[in-house]
Amino acid sequence: MPRKSNSIPVNYFGDENDSGISIEKVSAGDFEIARESEESHRHDRHSFFLVENGTVSIEIDFERYFFKSPAVIYMHPNQVHRILDFEDVQVTSWALNNESLNPEYLKLLEDISPTKPLVLSDETFSVMSQATFLSLKLADRRNDRLYYSFLKDSCNALVALVISQYLEQTKPADKLSRSEIITKAFHDTLEHNYLAAKRPAEYAEKLNISAPYLNECLKSTTGLSVSHHIQQRVILEAKRLLFYSSKSVKEIAAELGYDDYPYFSRLFTKVAGMSALAFRNKNLD
């Protein structure tokens, strides 16, 4: 797969009047164009897809998912993905940037990321289908004086419906143990600091707890150490850059905060099970 860019490609959504919001119905022909381009990419905003008909196979951050309608999927702007295959597909998609999202919903989306496709019950699909139909109708009323307001409100309502489905899969906050609360806080902190902070003690300090206690909490909830989670997050970003950009391994190491290139190379091999160059070459086949 050729790479022409020195960074991960970003797909920029078209939107109405630079609103930061877009919504459209996508058919098999649109998916065919996307698949034929064969370029994995990120989105420039939070994107949501209601699969109303057919089947879809998609790769998200090197994990492959196959699902059939009715289903919904949310993708964070950080996630890299590509369409692998589809059949008789029809999807309603909508996307919002940070400024257009309800602040409460934005926080919840950060909390639930990364996500996987969710199969919907017939009842839930019916509600979401009707809601997307209304939003699409509202999106056509460009001449209304309050156009942006009701477009924003209707699309945020769709976002809330999707979030509610993901939240049903998670334990309520008031039911979380102390270790689970700390684990969640650690992952939130990791996502915003993995480029600069590489040691467990740095995260423990940010969370105002001791490093041994942080490690104890992570092991009790995930079975894995703090160091393991830090390394996995860093190497995921390295894989993205190796696969989707033309940057050298040394450039990627520096971008991820490693001045010691040999150390980074050893770390990648340890975590990924192969060298960085082997990973890149394997995925070029």
Protein backbone atom coordinates (compact mmCIF):
# COMPACT_ATOMS: atom_id res chain seq x y z
CA MET A 1 0.00 0.00 0.00
CA PRO A 2 1.78 3.18 -1.09
CA ARG A 3 2.12 6.07 1.28
CA LYS A 4 2.39 9.54 -0.27
CA SER A 5 2.09 11.57 2.90
CA ASN A 6 4.47 12.23 5.75
CA SER A 7 1.57 12.01 8.18
CA ILE A 8 -1.58 9.97 8.66
CA PRO A 9 -4.19 11.02 6.06
CA VAL A 10 -7.19 12.93 7.41
CA ASN A 11 -10.60 12.83 5.77
CA TYR A 12 -12.23 16.25 6.00
CA PHE A 13 -16.01 16.21 6.08
CA GLY A 14 -17.94 18.68 3.98
CA ASP A 15 -20.46 20.59 6.03
CA GLU A 16 -23.13 23.21 5.75
CA ASN A 17 -21.91 26.81 6.04
CA ASP A 18 -18.74 25.76 7.89
CA SER A 19 -20.87 24.62 10.80
CA GLY A 20 -18.58 21.81 11.91
CA ILE A 21 -21.53 19.43 11.45
CA SER A 22 -22.36 17.08 8.60
CA ILE A 23 -25.00 14.41 8.05
CA GLU A 24 -25.76 12.28 5.01
CA LYS A 25 -27.11 8.96 3.83
CA VAL A 26 -24.42 6.75 2.26
CA SER A 27 -25.16 3.95 -0.20
CA ALA A 28 -23.16 1.07 -1.67
CA GLY A 29 -21.76 3.27 -4.44
CA ASP A 30 -20.22 5.67 -1.94
CA PHE A 31 -18.67 2.76 -0.06
CA GLU A 32 -17.24 1.43 -3.32
CA ILE A 33 -15.45 4.72 -3.93
CA ALA A 34 -14.09 4.70 -0.38
CA ARG A 35 -12.85 1.12 -0.65
CA GLU A 36 -11.25 1.62 -4.05
CA SER A 37 -9.19 4.52 -2.73
CA GLU A 38 -7.57 2.01 -0.31
CA GLU A 39 -6.23 4.81 1.84
CA SER A 40 -6.66 4.38 5.56
CA HIS A 41 -7.39 7.63 7.32
CA ARG A 42 -8.57 9.51 10.36
CA HIS A 43 -11.58 11.80 10.41
CA ASP A 44 -11.32 15.48 11.27
CA ARG A 45 -14.16 15.15 13.77
CA HIS A 46 -16.19 12.67 15.83
CA SER A 47 -18.05 10.41 13.40
CA PHE A 48 -21.06 8.13 13.81
CA PHE A 49 -22.51 5.52 11.48
CA LEU A 50 -25.92 3.88 11.66
CA VAL A 51 -25.81 0.77 9.47
CA GLU A 52 -29.39 0.42 8.25
CA ASN A 53 -28.90 -2.35 5.73
CA GLY A 54 -26.25 -4.85 4.64
CA THR A 55 -22.94 -5.98 6.07
CA VAL A 56 -19.65 -4.16 6.63
CA SER A 57 -16.10 -5.29 7.30
CA ILE A 58 -13.83 -2.55 8.63
CA GLU A 59 -10.36 -2.27 10.14
CA ILE A 60 -9.91 0.15 13.05
CA ASP A 61 -6.44 0.54 14.53
CA PHE A 62 -5.37 -2.88 13.21
CA GLU A 63 -8.41 -4.67 14.62
CA ARG A 64 -10.87 -6.11 12.08
CA TYR A 65 -14.63 -6.04 12.67
CA PHE A 66 -17.43 -7.64 10.68
CA PHE A 67 -20.98 -6.65 11.49
CA LYS A 68 -24.40 -6.54 9.89
CA SER A 69 -27.39 -4.27 10.18
CA PRO A 70 -28.83 -2.97 12.35
CA ALA A 71 -25.68 -1.65 14.00
CA VAL A 72 -24.01 1.58 15.05
CA ILE A 73 -20.40 2.59 15.41
CA TYR A 74 -18.64 5.65 16.81
CA MET A 75 -15.10 6.59 15.80
CA HIS A 76 -12.93 9.06 17.67
CA PRO A 77 -10.83 11.46 15.52
CA ASN A 78 -7.68 9.68 16.75
CA GLN A 79 -8.72 6.31 15.33
CA VAL A 80 -7.38 5.19 11.96
CA HIS A 81 -9.60 2.98 9.82
CA ARG A 82 -10.39 1.65 6.37
CA ILE A 83 -13.26 -0.21 4.74
CA LEU A 84 -12.37 -3.79 3.86
CA ASP A 85 -15.59 -5.12 2.40
CA PHE A 86 -19.36 -4.57 2.34
CA GLU A 87 -22.54 -5.93 0.79
CA ASP A 88 -25.92 -4.24 0.09
CA VAL A 89 -24.97 -1.51 2.53
CA GLN A 90 -26.87 1.64 3.43
CA VAL A 91 -25.65 3.91 6.20
CA THR A 92 -26.62 7.23 7.71
CA SER A 93 -23.51 9.02 8.92
CA TRP A 94 -23.10 12.19 10.91
CA ALA A 95 -20.06 13.96 12.28
CA LEU A 96 -19.40 16.88 14.61
CA ASN A 97 -16.29 18.74 15.66
CA ASN A 98 -15.50 19.50 19.29
CA GLU A 99 -17.05 22.95 19.16
CA SER A 100 -20.39 21.63 17.87
CA LEU A 101 -20.70 18.83 20.41
CA ASN A 102 -22.56 19.27 23.67
CA PRO A 103 -19.69 19.57 26.24
CA GLU A 104 -21.22 16.79 28.35
CA TYR A 105 -21.34 14.49 25.33
CA LEU A 106 -17.77 15.36 24.37
CA LYS A 107 -16.57 14.30 27.82
CA LEU A 108 -18.55 11.05 27.62
CA LEU A 109 -17.13 10.27 24.16
CA GLU A 110 -13.61 10.68 25.49
CA ASP A 111 -14.49 8.37 28.37
CA ILE A 112 -15.86 5.55 26.20
CA SER A 113 -13.16 5.65 23.51
CA PRO A 114 -12.03 3.45 21.88
CA THR A 115 -15.26 1.70 20.95
CA LYS A 116 -16.37 -1.25 18.85
CA PRO A 117 -19.38 -1.65 16.53
CA LEU A 118 -22.62 -2.35 18.44
CA VAL A 119 -25.47 -4.51 17.16
CA LEU A 120 -28.81 -2.83 17.89
CA SER A 121 -32.12 -4.30 18.96
CA ASP A 122 -35.01 -3.78 16.56
CA GLU A 123 -36.63 -1.35 18.98
CA THR A 124 -33.50 0.78 19.40
CA PHE A 125 -32.83 0.73 15.67
CA SER A 126 -36.37 1.95 15.00
CA VAL A 127 -35.87 4.94 17.32
CA MET A 128 -32.47 5.81 15.84
CA SER A 129 -33.72 5.38 12.30
CA GLN A 130 -36.59 7.79 12.89
CA ALA A 131 -34.25 10.27 14.57
CA THR A 132 -31.78 10.20 11.67
CA PHE A 133 -34.65 10.61 9.18
CA LEU A 134 -35.74 13.77 11.01
CA SER A 135 -32.17 15.11 11.19
CA LEU A 136 -31.70 14.58 7.46
CA LYS A 137 -34.92 16.47 6.77
CA LEU A 138 -33.82 19.32 9.02
CA ALA A 139 -30.43 19.44 7.29
CA ASP A 140 -32.22 20.27 4.03
CA ARG A 141 -33.85 23.39 5.50
CA ARG A 142 -30.87 25.63 4.83
CA ASN A 143 -32.87 28.81 4.47
CA ASP A 144 -34.43 28.68 7.93
CA ARG A 145 -33.17 31.45 10.21
CA LEU A 146 -32.41 29.01 13.02
CA TYR A 147 -30.88 26.42 10.70
CA TYR A 148 -27.60 25.96 12.57
CA SER A 149 -29.35 25.75 15.94
CA PHE A 150 -31.73 22.93 15.04
CA LEU A 151 -29.07 21.13 12.98
CA LYS A 152 -26.77 21.20 16.00
CA ASP A 153 -29.51 20.14 18.41
CA SER A 154 -30.79 17.30 16.22
CA CYS A 155 -27.31 15.88 15.58
CA ASN A 156 -26.40 16.15 19.25
CA ALA A 157 -29.58 14.19 20.03
CA LEU A 158 -28.29 11.46 17.70
CA VAL A 159 -24.95 11.53 19.49
CA ALA A 160 -26.73 11.10 22.83
CA LEU A 161 -28.61 8.08 21.49
CA VAL A 162 -25.34 6.46 20.42
CA ILE A 163 -23.59 7.25 23.70
CA SER A 164 -26.48 5.75 25.63
CA GLN A 165 -26.02 2.47 23.78
CA TYR A 166 -22.33 2.33 24.64
CA LEU A 167 -22.98 3.29 28.25
CA GLU A 168 -25.34 0.33 28.58
CA GLN A 169 -22.28 -1.87 28.03
CA THR A 170 -20.35 -0.25 30.90
CA LYS A 171 -20.76 -0.30 34.65
CA PRO A 172 -22.40 2.82 36.18
CA ALA A 173 -19.95 5.20 37.88
CA ASP A 174 -21.58 4.72 41.28
CA LYS A 175 -20.98 0.97 41.00
CA LEU A 176 -17.26 1.23 40.29
CA SER A 177 -14.75 0.04 42.86
CA ARG A 178 -11.88 2.27 43.98
CA SER A 179 -9.51 0.33 41.70
CA GLU A 180 -11.85 0.73 38.72
CA ILE A 181 -12.15 4.47 39.32
CA ILE A 182 -8.37 4.83 39.43
CA THR A 183 -7.96 2.65 36.33
CA LYS A 184 -10.38 4.86 34.43
CA ALA A 185 -8.60 8.02 35.60
CA PHE A 186 -5.27 6.50 34.57
CA HIS A 187 -6.48 5.75 31.04
CA ASP A 188 -7.85 9.29 30.68
CA THR A 189 -4.51 10.68 31.85
CA LEU A 190 -2.55 8.30 29.62
CA GLU A 191 -4.41 9.39 26.49
CA HIS A 192 -3.41 13.01 27.06
CA ASN A 193 0.16 12.43 28.26
CA TYR A 194 1.67 9.35 26.59
CA LEU A 195 3.93 11.43 24.33
CA ALA A 196 5.66 13.11 27.26
CA ALA A 197 5.20 10.75 30.23
CA LYS A 198 6.62 7.24 29.95
CA ARG A 199 7.16 6.20 33.59
CA PRO A 200 4.47 4.82 35.92
CA ALA A 201 5.62 7.21 38.65
CA GLU A 202 4.70 10.20 36.47
CA TYR A 203 1.12 9.00 36.18
CA ALA A 204 0.92 8.16 39.86
CA GLU A 205 2.01 11.71 40.65
CA LYS A 206 -0.64 13.17 38.35
CA LEU A 207 -3.28 11.05 40.11
CA ASN A 208 -1.94 11.90 43.58
CA ILE A 209 -1.31 8.29 44.56
CA SER A 210 1.79 6.12 44.94
CA ALA A 211 3.22 4.21 41.99
CA PRO A 212 2.89 0.81 43.74
CA TYR A 213 -0.79 1.52 44.50
CA LEU A 214 -1.48 2.59 40.90
CA ASN A 215 0.13 -0.62 39.70
CA GLU A 216 -1.93 -2.64 42.18
CA CYS A 217 -5.16 -1.04 40.91
CA LEU A 218 -4.32 -1.65 37.26
CA LYS A 219 -3.38 -5.26 37.89
CA SER A 220 -6.55 -5.94 39.87
CA THR A 221 -8.82 -4.51 37.14
CA THR A 222 -6.95 -5.43 33.94
CA GLY A 223 -4.44 -8.07 35.00
CA LEU A 224 -1.65 -5.97 33.46
CA SER A 225 0.88 -3.51 34.82
CA VAL A 226 0.98 0.26 34.38
CA SER A 227 4.09 -0.07 32.22
CA HIS A 228 2.28 -2.50 29.93
CA HIS A 229 -0.54 -0.03 29.30
CA ILE A 230 1.86 2.85 28.67
CA GLN A 231 3.88 0.79 26.22
CA GLN A 232 0.80 -0.50 24.40
CA ARG A 233 -0.50 3.05 23.87
CA VAL A 234 2.84 4.32 22.57
CA ILE A 235 3.33 1.37 20.24
CA LEU A 236 -0.22 1.71 18.87
CA GLU A 237 0.66 5.24 17.78
CA ALA A 238 3.94 3.97 16.36
CA LYS A 239 2.08 1.34 14.33
CA ARG A 240 -0.27 3.98 12.98
CA LEU A 241 2.63 6.13 11.85
CA LEU A 242 4.60 3.21 10.42
CA PHE A 243 1.64 1.97 8.41
CA TYR A 244 -0.01 5.18 7.34
CA SER A 245 2.85 7.66 6.98
CA SER A 246 6.20 7.79 5.21
CA LYS A 247 8.16 8.89 8.28
CA SER A 248 11.31 6.94 9.09
CA VAL A 249 11.45 4.81 12.23
CA LYS A 250 13.90 7.31 13.72
CA GLU A 251 11.52 10.21 12.99
CA ILE A 252 8.63 8.27 14.55
CA ALA A 253 10.71 7.51 17.65
CA ALA A 254 11.47 11.20 18.09
CA GLU A 255 7.83 12.20 17.52
CA LEU A 256 6.76 9.77 20.24
CA GLY A 257 9.23 11.21 22.73
CA TYR A 258 12.18 8.80 22.41
CA ASP A 259 15.57 10.43 21.85
CA ASP A 260 17.20 7.03 22.36
CA TYR A 261 16.40 5.42 19.00
CA PRO A 262 17.95 1.99 19.80
CA TYR A 263 15.83 1.79 22.96
CA PHE A 264 12.68 2.60 21.01
CA SER A 265 13.54 -0.09 18.45
CA ARG A 266 13.97 -2.69 21.18
CA LEU A 267 10.72 -1.60 22.85
CA PHE A 268 8.77 -1.88 19.59
CA THR A 269 10.12 -5.39 18.97
CA LYS A 270 9.27 -6.44 22.52
CA VAL A 271 5.69 -5.14 22.38
CA ALA A 272 4.81 -5.88 18.74
CA GLY A 273 6.69 -9.16 18.41
CA MET A 274 8.65 -7.92 15.40
CA SER A 275 10.86 -5.00 14.49
CA ALA A 276 9.40 -1.70 13.34
CA LEU A 277 10.74 -2.21 9.82
CA ALA A 278 9.38 -5.76 9.70
CA PHE A 279 5.97 -4.45 10.75
CA ARG A 280 6.03 -1.80 8.02
CA ASN A 281 7.18 -4.25 5.36
CA LYS A 282 4.66 -6.90 6.44
CA ASN A 283 1.80 -4.46 6.01
CA LEU A 284 3.06 -3.33 2.61
CA ASP A 285 2.56 -6.84 1.22
